[in-house]
Amino acid sequence: MKEHQTDTPRQRLKGVFSLFMRFRDRKLQLLAGVEEGALEGSHFKFNLHEVVVQLLEEMNRDERTGANTVFKADMLLIALRSDSYIFQRDVRGYSSESFLDQIFLTFFPER
């Protein structure tokens, strides 16, 4: 985050999710287990959630959307869950990159 502090919040968020997707591809089974703990409030989920909320709040300040950043972060992290990703990859045929592109087109359409 510090290396990219001059990037826009959108660019930084996409960078965070790109790193997460690469990690997901390498450690899919590990993350599936961690995600189960995230539902009960594990440390992993809250660290990622805090980063996402912070970047969404920066985006709100820049774009004045008024969206509830905690809710939006919750929905984004649900969309990135292993079961959702595996379905999109295996059934719909999306690559990791195209999956992430679709997430951003859905949650952050270009204006």
C-alpha atoms as a PDB file:
ATOM      1  CA  MET A   1       0.000   0.000   0.000  1.00  0.00           C
ATOM      2  CA  LYS A   2       2.824   2.377   0.840  1.00  0.00           C
ATOM      3  CA  GLU A   3       4.509   1.783  -2.517  1.00  0.00           C
ATOM      4  CA  HIS A   4       1.306   2.749  -4.325  1.00  0.00           C
ATOM      5  CA  GLN A   5       0.073   5.584  -2.135  1.00  0.00           C
ATOM      6  CA  THR A   6       0.030   7.983  -5.101  1.00  0.00           C
ATOM      7  CA  ASP A   7      -2.294   5.664  -7.063  1.00  0.00           C
ATOM      8  CA  THR A   8      -6.021   6.285  -6.911  1.00  0.00           C
ATOM      9  CA  PRO A   9      -7.981   4.341  -4.280  1.00  0.00           C
ATOM     10  CA  ARG A  10      -9.592   2.346  -7.120  1.00  0.00           C
ATOM     11  CA  GLN A  11      -6.158   1.360  -8.486  1.00  0.00           C
ATOM     12  CA  ARG A  12      -4.961   0.362  -5.018  1.00  0.00           C
ATOM     13  CA  LEU A  13      -8.107  -1.672  -4.364  1.00  0.00           C
ATOM     14  CA  LYS A  14      -7.721  -3.486  -7.679  1.00  0.00           C
ATOM     15  CA  GLY A  15      -4.078  -4.130  -6.794  1.00  0.00           C
ATOM     16  CA  VAL A  16      -5.048  -5.595  -3.415  1.00  0.00           C
ATOM     17  CA  PHE A  17      -7.630  -7.833  -5.063  1.00  0.00           C
ATOM     18  CA  SER A  18      -5.163  -8.858  -7.799  1.00  0.00           C
ATOM     19  CA  LEU A  19      -2.705  -9.990  -5.146  1.00  0.00           C
ATOM     20  CA  PHE A  20      -5.508 -11.763  -3.316  1.00  0.00           C
ATOM     21  CA  MET A  21      -6.608 -13.572  -6.507  1.00  0.00           C
ATOM     22  CA  ARG A  22      -3.056 -14.739  -7.243  1.00  0.00           C
ATOM     23  CA  PHE A  23      -2.793 -16.020  -3.677  1.00  0.00           C
ATOM     24  CA  ARG A  24      -6.225 -17.641  -4.038  1.00  0.00           C
ATOM     25  CA  ASP A  25      -5.132 -19.508  -7.162  1.00  0.00           C
ATOM     26  CA  ARG A  26      -2.098 -20.915  -5.355  1.00  0.00           C
ATOM     27  CA  LYS A  27      -3.773 -21.663  -2.008  1.00  0.00           C
ATOM     28  CA  LEU A  28      -7.402 -22.387  -2.883  1.00  0.00           C
ATOM     29  CA  GLN A  29      -7.962 -25.143  -0.314  1.00  0.00           C
ATOM     30  CA  LEU A  30      -6.226 -23.193   2.440  1.00  0.00           C
ATOM     31  CA  LEU A  31      -8.387 -20.144   1.830  1.00  0.00           C
ATOM     32  CA  ALA A  32     -11.575 -22.189   1.773  1.00  0.00           C
ATOM     33  CA  GLY A  33     -10.794 -23.268   5.339  1.00  0.00           C
ATOM     34  CA  VAL A  34      -9.840 -19.761   6.411  1.00  0.00           C
ATOM     35  CA  GLU A  35     -13.056 -18.382   4.919  1.00  0.00           C
ATOM     36  CA  GLU A  36     -15.095 -20.683   7.117  1.00  0.00           C
ATOM     37  CA  GLY A  37     -13.388 -19.092  10.131  1.00  0.00           C
ATOM     38  CA  ALA A  38     -13.973 -15.638   8.627  1.00  0.00           C
ATOM     39  CA  LEU A  39     -17.677 -16.107   9.069  1.00  0.00           C
ATOM     40  CA  GLU A  40     -17.097 -16.307  12.808  1.00  0.00           C
ATOM     41  CA  GLY A  41     -14.794 -13.271  12.779  1.00  0.00           C
ATOM     42  CA  SER A  42     -11.252 -14.487  12.181  1.00  0.00           C
ATOM     43  CA  HIS A  43      -8.286 -12.127  12.162  1.00  0.00           C
ATOM     44  CA  PHE A  44      -7.696 -12.736   8.431  1.00  0.00           C
ATOM     45  CA  LYS A  45     -11.105 -11.494   7.372  1.00  0.00           C
ATOM     46  CA  PHE A  46     -10.960  -8.378   9.453  1.00  0.00           C
ATOM     47  CA  ASN A  47      -7.537  -7.324   8.210  1.00  0.00           C
ATOM     48  CA  LEU A  48      -8.631  -7.609   4.587  1.00  0.00           C
ATOM     49  CA  HIS A  49     -11.998  -6.086   5.429  1.00  0.00           C
ATOM     50  CA  GLU A  50     -10.352  -3.083   7.094  1.00  0.00           C
ATOM     51  CA  VAL A  51      -8.153  -2.456   4.056  1.00  0.00           C
ATOM     52  CA  VAL A  52     -11.134  -2.685   1.720  1.00  0.00           C
ATOM     53  CA  VAL A  53     -13.267  -0.370   3.888  1.00  0.00           C
ATOM     54  CA  GLN A  54     -10.445   2.175   4.066  1.00  0.00           C
ATOM     55  CA  LEU A  55     -10.040   2.215   0.282  1.00  0.00           C
ATOM     56  CA  LEU A  56     -13.797   2.396  -0.268  1.00  0.00           C
ATOM     57  CA  GLU A  57     -13.993   5.363   2.104  1.00  0.00           C
ATOM     58  CA  GLU A  58     -11.266   7.102   0.091  1.00  0.00           C
ATOM     59  CA  MET A  59     -13.227   6.370  -3.086  1.00  0.00           C
ATOM     60  CA  ASN A  60     -16.382   7.806  -1.493  1.00  0.00           C
ATOM     61  CA  ARG A  61     -14.525  11.014  -0.621  1.00  0.00           C
ATOM     62  CA  ASP A  62     -13.217  11.298  -4.173  1.00  0.00           C
ATOM     63  CA  GLU A  63     -16.464  10.351  -5.922  1.00  0.00           C
ATOM     64  CA  ARG A  64     -19.029  11.420  -3.294  1.00  0.00           C
ATOM     65  CA  THR A  65     -21.105   8.264  -3.765  1.00  0.00           C
ATOM     66  CA  GLY A  66     -22.519   8.088  -0.252  1.00  0.00           C
ATOM     67  CA  ALA A  67     -22.428   4.278  -0.333  1.00  0.00           C
ATOM     68  CA  ASN A  68     -22.187   2.360   2.933  1.00  0.00           C
ATOM     69  CA  THR A  69     -18.561   1.248   2.789  1.00  0.00           C
ATOM     70  CA  VAL A  70     -18.850  -1.526   5.387  1.00  0.00           C
ATOM     71  CA  PHE A  71     -21.784  -3.088   3.543  1.00  0.00           C
ATOM     72  CA  LYS A  72     -20.021  -2.754   0.192  1.00  0.00           C
ATOM     73  CA  ALA A  73     -16.857  -4.337   1.618  1.00  0.00           C
ATOM     74  CA  ASP A  74     -18.957  -7.207   2.997  1.00  0.00           C
ATOM     75  CA  MET A  75     -20.551  -7.802  -0.417  1.00  0.00           C
ATOM     76  CA  LEU A  76     -17.211  -7.593  -2.222  1.00  0.00           C
ATOM     77  CA  LEU A  77     -15.612 -10.140   0.085  1.00  0.00           C
ATOM     78  CA  ILE A  78     -18.597 -12.459  -0.323  1.00  0.00           C
ATOM     79  CA  ALA A  79     -18.233 -12.195  -4.113  1.00  0.00           C
ATOM     80  CA  LEU A  80     -14.548 -13.133  -3.784  1.00  0.00           C
ATOM     81  CA  ARG A  81     -15.212 -16.253  -1.681  1.00  0.00           C
ATOM     82  CA  SER A  82     -13.801 -19.526  -2.931  1.00  0.00           C
ATOM     83  CA  ASP A  83     -17.176 -21.050  -3.820  1.00  0.00           C
ATOM     84  CA  SER A  84     -18.105 -18.031  -5.930  1.00  0.00           C
ATOM     85  CA  TYR A  85     -14.705 -17.921  -7.624  1.00  0.00           C
ATOM     86  CA  ILE A  86     -14.672 -21.676  -8.356  1.00  0.00           C
ATOM     87  CA  PHE A  87     -18.144 -21.471  -9.882  1.00  0.00           C
ATOM     88  CA  GLN A  88     -17.187 -18.544 -12.103  1.00  0.00           C
ATOM     89  CA  ARG A  89     -13.917 -20.210 -13.107  1.00  0.00           C
ATOM     90  CA  ASP A  90     -15.135 -23.770 -13.655  1.00  0.00           C
ATOM     91  CA  VAL A  91     -18.723 -23.266 -14.814  1.00  0.00           C
ATOM     92  CA  ARG A  92     -18.645 -19.841 -16.447  1.00  0.00           C
ATOM     93  CA  GLY A  93     -15.090 -20.134 -17.754  1.00  0.00           C
ATOM     94  CA  TYR A  94     -13.661 -16.896 -16.348  1.00  0.00           C
ATOM     95  CA  SER A  95      -9.950 -16.602 -15.768  1.00  0.00           C
ATOM     96  CA  SER A  96      -8.778 -15.019 -12.537  1.00  0.00           C
ATOM     97  CA  GLU A  97      -8.167 -11.741 -14.370  1.00  0.00           C
ATOM     98  CA  SER A  98     -11.531 -11.680 -16.142  1.00  0.00           C
ATOM     99  CA  PHE A  99     -13.277 -12.611 -12.869  1.00  0.00           C
ATOM    100  CA  LEU A 100     -11.665  -9.616 -11.174  1.00  0.00           C
ATOM    101  CA  ASP A 101     -12.519  -7.390 -14.143  1.00  0.00           C
ATOM    102  CA  GLN A 102     -16.171  -8.428 -13.843  1.00  0.00           C
ATOM    103  CA  ILE A 103     -16.155  -7.726 -10.096  1.00  0.00           C
ATOM    104  CA  PHE A 104     -14.894  -4.210 -10.785  1.00  0.00           C
ATOM    105  CA  LEU A 105     -17.351  -3.597 -13.621  1.00  0.00           C
ATOM    106  CA  THR A 106     -20.171  -4.697 -11.322  1.00  0.00           C
ATOM    107  CA  PHE A 107     -19.188  -2.834  -8.144  1.00  0.00           C
ATOM    108  CA  PHE A 108     -17.283   0.114  -9.650  1.00  0.00           C
ATOM    109  CA  PRO A 109     -18.592   0.942 -13.131  1.00  0.00           C
ATOM    110  CA  GLU A 110     -16.552   3.530 -14.977  1.00  0.00           C
ATOM    111  CA  ARG A 111     -18.269   6.893 -15.140  1.00  0.00           C
END
